[in-house]
């Protein structure tokens, strides 16, 4: 194998392995706390977002999820992970990003409830 082929192979391997990433994990205490599924405060709601698997051809890349265009509430989900966000009641737009693709989902919510 010549040096050019070796360099190309190295770049491809780095790209493939770089796609197998994961997001930060919650502490055991926080994980156990949110899995109690207690009702949120009466003036807010709790939205659970779960990613079952990488699916399709995402190669295990992180999904970035944004709520109502607010980067402060954005989360990144790896394969078999979840996030919990507390929002105000009413209509919300949840946008899921994978690379340069985005898909928006309209969600109508009620105070004091949890949504999955």
N, C-alpha and C. Protein backbone atom coordinates (compact mmCIF):
# COMPACT_ATOMS: atom_id res chain seq x y z
N UNK A 1 0.85 -1.17 0.00
CA UNK A 1 0.00 0.00 0.00
C UNK A 1 0.90 1.23 0.00
N UNK A 2 0.64 2.14 -0.96
CA UNK A 2 1.47 3.33 -1.01
C UNK A 2 0.99 4.37 0.00
N UNK A 3 1.75 5.44 0.14
CA UNK A 3 1.44 6.45 1.16
C UNK A 3 0.11 7.16 0.91
N UNK A 4 -0.22 7.38 -0.36
CA UNK A 4 -1.48 8.05 -0.68
C UNK A 4 -2.67 7.20 -0.24
N UNK A 5 -2.63 5.90 -0.58
CA UNK A 5 -3.72 5.01 -0.18
C UNK A 5 -3.80 4.89 1.34
N UNK A 6 -2.66 4.84 2.00
CA UNK A 6 -2.65 4.75 3.46
C UNK A 6 -3.27 6.01 4.08
N UNK A 7 -2.97 7.17 3.50
CA UNK A 7 -3.53 8.42 4.01
C UNK A 7 -5.05 8.46 3.82
N UNK A 8 -5.50 8.03 2.65
CA UNK A 8 -6.94 8.00 2.38
C UNK A 8 -7.64 7.04 3.34
N UNK A 9 -7.04 5.87 3.54
CA UNK A 9 -7.62 4.88 4.45
C UNK A 9 -7.70 5.45 5.88
N UNK A 10 -6.66 6.15 6.29
CA UNK A 10 -6.65 6.75 7.63
C UNK A 10 -7.73 7.81 7.79
N UNK A 11 -7.93 8.63 6.76
CA UNK A 11 -8.97 9.66 6.81
C UNK A 11 -10.35 9.03 6.87
N UNK A 12 -10.58 7.99 6.05
CA UNK A 12 -11.87 7.30 6.07
C UNK A 12 -12.14 6.65 7.42
N UNK A 13 -11.12 6.02 8.00
CA UNK A 13 -11.29 5.37 9.30
C UNK A 13 -11.63 6.41 10.37
N UNK A 14 -10.95 7.55 10.33
CA UNK A 14 -11.23 8.61 11.31
C UNK A 14 -12.66 9.13 11.15
N UNK A 15 -13.12 9.26 9.91
CA UNK A 15 -14.48 9.72 9.66
C UNK A 15 -15.51 8.74 10.18
N UNK A 16 -15.29 7.46 9.95
CA UNK A 16 -16.23 6.43 10.42
C UNK A 16 -16.26 6.38 11.93
N UNK A 17 -15.09 6.36 12.55
CA UNK A 17 -15.03 6.30 14.01
C UNK A 17 -15.54 7.59 14.65
N UNK A 18 -15.32 8.71 13.99
CA UNK A 18 -15.80 9.98 14.51
C UNK A 18 -17.31 10.06 14.54
N UNK A 19 -17.99 9.30 13.67
CA UNK A 19 -19.44 9.26 13.65
C UNK A 19 -20.02 8.49 14.80
N UNK A 20 -19.23 7.70 15.49
CA UNK A 20 -19.70 6.89 16.62
C UNK A 20 -19.46 7.65 17.91
N UNK A 21 -20.27 8.66 18.14
CA UNK A 21 -20.08 9.51 19.31
C UNK A 21 -21.25 9.37 20.26
N UNK A 22 -21.06 9.85 21.45
CA UNK A 22 -22.15 9.85 22.41
C UNK A 22 -22.15 11.18 23.14
N UNK A 23 -23.30 11.54 23.66
CA UNK A 23 -23.42 12.77 24.41
C UNK A 23 -23.08 12.55 25.86
N UNK A 24 -23.07 13.62 26.65
CA UNK A 24 -22.78 13.48 28.07
C UNK A 24 -23.88 12.70 28.78
N UNK A 25 -23.49 11.88 29.72
CA UNK A 25 -24.46 11.08 30.47
C UNK A 25 -24.80 11.77 31.78
N UNK A 26 -26.02 11.56 32.22
CA UNK A 26 -26.46 12.12 33.50
C UNK A 26 -25.83 11.34 34.64
N UNK A 27 -25.76 11.97 35.79
CA UNK A 27 -25.30 11.25 36.97
C UNK A 27 -26.34 10.19 37.32
N UNK A 28 -25.96 9.20 38.09
CA UNK A 28 -26.92 8.16 38.50
C UNK A 28 -28.10 8.77 39.25
N UNK A 29 -27.82 9.76 40.11
CA UNK A 29 -28.88 10.39 40.89
C UNK A 29 -29.88 11.10 39.98
N UNK A 30 -29.39 11.89 39.01
CA UNK A 30 -30.28 12.62 38.12
C UNK A 30 -31.07 11.65 37.24
N UNK A 31 -30.42 10.61 36.75
CA UNK A 31 -31.09 9.60 35.93
C UNK A 31 -32.24 8.96 36.71
N UNK A 32 -31.96 8.57 37.96
CA UNK A 32 -32.99 7.94 38.79
C UNK A 32 -34.12 8.92 39.12
N UNK A 33 -33.77 10.18 39.33
CA UNK A 33 -34.78 11.19 39.68
C UNK A 33 -35.77 11.41 38.55
N UNK A 34 -35.29 11.59 37.32
CA UNK A 34 -36.22 11.85 36.21
C UNK A 34 -37.01 10.61 35.83
N UNK A 35 -36.48 9.44 36.14
CA UNK A 35 -37.21 8.20 35.81
C UNK A 35 -38.32 7.90 36.81
N UNK A 36 -38.49 8.73 37.83
CA UNK A 36 -39.62 8.57 38.75
C UNK A 36 -40.92 9.03 38.10
N UNK A 37 -40.80 9.81 37.04
CA UNK A 37 -41.95 10.27 36.25
C UNK A 37 -42.99 11.00 37.10
N UNK A 38 -42.52 11.81 38.02
CA UNK A 38 -43.44 12.61 38.84
C UNK A 38 -43.99 13.76 37.99
N UNK A 39 -45.18 14.19 38.32
CA UNK A 39 -45.80 15.30 37.60
C UNK A 39 -45.00 16.58 37.83
N UNK A 40 -44.88 17.42 36.83
CA UNK A 40 -44.17 18.69 37.00
C UNK A 40 -45.02 19.69 37.78
N UNK A 41 -44.47 20.84 38.05
CA UNK A 41 -45.22 21.90 38.72
C UNK A 41 -46.46 22.24 37.90
N UNK A 42 -47.47 22.79 38.55
CA UNK A 42 -48.74 23.06 37.86
C UNK A 42 -48.63 24.13 36.79
N UNK A 43 -47.57 24.95 36.81
CA UNK A 43 -47.42 25.99 35.79
C UNK A 43 -46.41 25.62 34.71
N UNK A 44 -46.01 24.36 34.65
CA UNK A 44 -45.07 23.92 33.62
C UNK A 44 -45.44 22.52 33.16
N UNK A 45 -44.67 22.00 32.23
CA UNK A 45 -44.87 20.64 31.76
C UNK A 45 -43.50 20.01 31.58
N UNK A 46 -43.49 18.72 31.53
CA UNK A 46 -42.24 17.98 31.35
C UNK A 46 -42.34 17.20 30.05
N UNK A 47 -41.35 17.38 29.18
CA UNK A 47 -41.32 16.69 27.89
C UNK A 47 -40.13 15.74 27.88
N UNK A 48 -40.41 14.45 27.73
CA UNK A 48 -39.38 13.42 27.63
C UNK A 48 -39.15 13.12 26.16
N UNK A 49 -37.90 13.20 25.72
CA UNK A 49 -37.54 12.90 24.34
C UNK A 49 -36.60 11.71 24.37
N UNK A 50 -36.96 10.62 23.70
CA UNK A 50 -36.18 9.39 23.72
C UNK A 50 -35.74 9.02 22.32
N UNK A 51 -34.49 8.62 22.19
CA UNK A 51 -33.97 8.14 20.92
C UNK A 51 -33.65 6.66 21.08
N UNK A 52 -34.42 5.82 20.41
CA UNK A 52 -34.27 4.37 20.56
C UNK A 52 -32.98 3.85 19.95
N UNK A 53 -32.69 4.24 18.72
CA UNK A 53 -31.48 3.74 18.06
C UNK A 53 -31.03 4.75 17.03
N UNK A 54 -29.86 4.48 16.45
CA UNK A 54 -29.34 5.36 15.41
C UNK A 54 -30.24 5.31 14.19
N UNK A 55 -30.72 4.12 13.84
CA UNK A 55 -31.65 3.97 12.72
C UNK A 55 -31.12 4.53 11.42
N UNK A 56 -31.65 4.06 10.33
CA UNK A 56 -31.27 4.60 9.02
C UNK A 56 -29.78 4.59 8.79
N UNK A 57 -29.30 5.70 8.25
CA UNK A 57 -27.89 5.78 7.89
C UNK A 57 -27.17 6.86 8.67
N UNK A 58 -27.63 7.16 9.88
CA UNK A 58 -27.01 8.23 10.66
C UNK A 58 -25.66 7.83 11.22
N UNK A 59 -25.34 6.55 11.21
CA UNK A 59 -24.03 6.10 11.67
C UNK A 59 -23.78 6.37 13.13
N UNK A 60 -24.82 6.53 13.92
CA UNK A 60 -24.65 6.78 15.34
C UNK A 60 -24.36 8.23 15.68
N UNK A 61 -24.51 9.13 14.70
CA UNK A 61 -24.25 10.55 14.95
C UNK A 61 -25.27 11.09 15.95
N UNK A 62 -24.88 12.12 16.66
CA UNK A 62 -25.79 12.76 17.61
C UNK A 62 -26.92 13.47 16.89
N UNK A 63 -28.12 13.40 17.46
CA UNK A 63 -29.24 14.20 16.99
C UNK A 63 -29.30 15.43 17.87
N UNK A 64 -29.36 16.60 17.27
CA UNK A 64 -29.53 17.84 18.03
C UNK A 64 -31.01 18.17 18.01
N UNK A 65 -31.57 18.46 19.17
CA UNK A 65 -32.99 18.74 19.29
C UNK A 65 -33.16 20.10 19.95
N UNK A 66 -33.94 20.95 19.30
CA UNK A 66 -34.14 22.32 19.76
C UNK A 66 -35.63 22.54 20.02
N UNK A 67 -35.94 23.29 21.04
CA UNK A 67 -37.31 23.55 21.44
C UNK A 67 -37.63 25.03 21.25
N UNK A 68 -38.58 25.32 20.38
CA UNK A 68 -39.06 26.68 20.12
C UNK A 68 -37.95 27.63 19.68
N UNK A 69 -36.96 27.14 18.97
CA UNK A 69 -35.89 27.99 18.48
C UNK A 69 -34.96 28.51 19.56
N UNK A 70 -35.03 27.95 20.74
CA UNK A 70 -34.24 28.40 21.89
C UNK A 70 -33.03 27.48 22.07
N UNK A 71 -31.85 27.99 21.75
CA UNK A 71 -30.63 27.17 21.87
C UNK A 71 -30.34 26.80 23.33
N UNK A 72 -30.88 27.55 24.29
CA UNK A 72 -30.62 27.24 25.71
C UNK A 72 -31.28 25.94 26.13
N UNK A 73 -32.37 25.56 25.45
CA UNK A 73 -33.04 24.31 25.80
C UNK A 73 -32.63 23.17 24.88
N UNK A 74 -31.70 23.41 23.96
CA UNK A 74 -31.30 22.38 23.01
C UNK A 74 -30.57 21.23 23.71
N UNK A 75 -30.78 20.02 23.19
CA UNK A 75 -30.10 18.84 23.72
C UNK A 75 -29.54 18.04 22.55
N UNK A 76 -28.57 17.19 22.83
CA UNK A 76 -28.03 16.27 21.84
C UNK A 76 -28.24 14.86 22.36
N UNK A 77 -28.77 14.00 21.50
CA UNK A 77 -29.06 12.62 21.90
C UNK A 77 -28.26 11.64 21.07
N UNK A 78 -27.57 10.75 21.76
CA UNK A 78 -26.92 9.62 21.11
C UNK A 78 -27.89 8.45 21.09
N UNK A 79 -27.44 7.34 20.58
CA UNK A 79 -28.27 6.15 20.48
C UNK A 79 -28.69 5.68 21.88
N UNK A 80 -29.94 5.27 22.02
CA UNK A 80 -30.51 4.74 23.26
C UNK A 80 -30.32 5.69 24.44
N UNK A 81 -30.69 6.95 24.22
CA UNK A 81 -30.58 7.94 25.29
C UNK A 81 -31.85 8.79 25.31
N UNK A 82 -31.99 9.60 26.36
CA UNK A 82 -33.16 10.45 26.46
C UNK A 82 -32.79 11.76 27.13
N UNK A 83 -33.69 12.72 26.98
CA UNK A 83 -33.52 14.01 27.65
C UNK A 83 -34.88 14.42 28.19
N UNK A 84 -34.86 15.23 29.22
CA UNK A 84 -36.08 15.74 29.82
C UNK A 84 -35.96 17.26 29.88
N UNK A 85 -36.98 17.95 29.37
CA UNK A 85 -36.98 19.41 29.44
C UNK A 85 -38.29 19.87 30.07
N UNK A 86 -38.22 20.94 30.82
CA UNK A 86 -39.43 21.53 31.40
C UNK A 86 -39.73 22.78 30.59
N UNK A 87 -40.98 22.89 30.14
CA UNK A 87 -41.42 23.99 29.30
C UNK A 87 -42.69 24.60 29.85
N UNK A 88 -43.04 25.77 29.34
CA UNK A 88 -44.32 26.39 29.69
C UNK A 88 -45.42 25.69 28.89
N UNK A 89 -46.64 25.66 29.40
CA UNK A 89 -47.73 25.03 28.66
C UNK A 89 -48.05 25.79 27.37
N UNK A 90 -48.66 25.07 26.43
CA UNK A 90 -49.06 25.68 25.17
C UNK A 90 -48.41 24.99 23.99
N UNK A 91 -48.51 25.60 22.81
CA UNK A 91 -47.92 24.98 21.62
C UNK A 91 -46.40 25.14 21.60
N UNK A 92 -45.73 24.13 21.11
CA UNK A 92 -44.27 24.16 21.00
C UNK A 92 -43.85 23.57 19.66
N UNK A 93 -42.69 24.01 19.19
CA UNK A 93 -42.10 23.44 17.99
C UNK A 93 -40.81 22.74 18.40
N UNK A 94 -40.75 21.46 18.13
CA UNK A 94 -39.55 20.66 18.42
C UNK A 94 -38.88 20.38 17.08
N UNK A 95 -37.63 20.81 16.94
CA UNK A 95 -36.90 20.60 15.69
C UNK A 95 -35.76 19.63 15.94
N UNK A 96 -35.70 18.58 15.12
CA UNK A 96 -34.65 17.57 15.22
C UNK A 96 -33.69 17.78 14.06
N UNK A 97 -32.40 17.92 14.38
CA UNK A 97 -31.36 18.14 13.37
C UNK A 97 -30.46 16.92 13.29
N UNK A 98 -30.17 16.51 12.06
CA UNK A 98 -29.16 15.48 11.81
C UNK A 98 -28.34 15.99 10.65
N UNK A 99 -27.13 16.45 10.97
CA UNK A 99 -26.30 17.06 9.94
C UNK A 99 -26.98 18.32 9.42
N UNK A 100 -27.14 18.41 8.09
CA UNK A 100 -27.76 19.59 7.50
C UNK A 100 -29.26 19.40 7.27
N UNK A 101 -29.82 18.33 7.79
CA UNK A 101 -31.26 18.08 7.65
C UNK A 101 -31.97 18.42 8.96
N UNK A 102 -33.18 18.96 8.81
CA UNK A 102 -33.98 19.31 9.99
C UNK A 102 -35.43 18.92 9.75
N UNK A 103 -36.09 18.48 10.82
CA UNK A 103 -37.51 18.14 10.74
C UNK A 103 -38.20 18.73 11.97
N UNK A 104 -39.23 19.54 11.72
CA UNK A 104 -39.97 20.19 12.80
C UNK A 104 -41.22 19.40 13.15
N UNK A 105 -41.54 19.39 14.43
CA UNK A 105 -42.73 18.72 14.94
C UNK A 105 -43.49 19.70 15.82
N UNK A 106 -44.79 19.86 15.56
CA UNK A 106 -45.63 20.72 16.39
C UNK A 106 -46.20 19.89 17.53
N UNK A 107 -46.10 20.43 18.74
CA UNK A 107 -46.59 19.72 19.93
C UNK A 107 -47.47 20.68 20.73
N UNK A 108 -48.67 20.25 21.08
CA UNK A 108 -49.55 21.06 21.94
C UNK A 108 -49.54 20.41 23.32
N UNK A 109 -49.32 21.20 24.34
CA UNK A 109 -49.12 20.66 25.68
C UNK A 109 -50.03 21.33 26.71
N UNK A 110 -50.16 20.69 27.86
CA UNK A 110 -51.00 21.16 28.95
C UNK A 110 -50.16 21.24 30.23
N UNK A 111 -50.42 22.24 31.05
CA UNK A 111 -49.68 22.42 32.30
C UNK A 111 -49.89 21.24 33.23
N UNK A 112 -48.86 20.94 34.01
CA UNK A 112 -48.94 19.91 35.03
C UNK A 112 -48.86 18.48 34.51
N UNK A 113 -48.57 18.29 33.23
CA UNK A 113 -48.51 16.95 32.65
C UNK A 113 -47.13 16.65 32.09
N UNK A 114 -46.90 15.38 31.85
CA UNK A 114 -45.67 14.94 31.20
C UNK A 114 -46.03 14.40 29.82
N UNK A 115 -45.16 14.64 28.85
CA UNK A 115 -45.37 14.19 27.47
C UNK A 115 -44.15 13.41 27.03
N UNK A 116 -44.39 12.37 26.23
CA UNK A 116 -43.32 11.48 25.79
C UNK A 116 -43.27 11.45 24.28
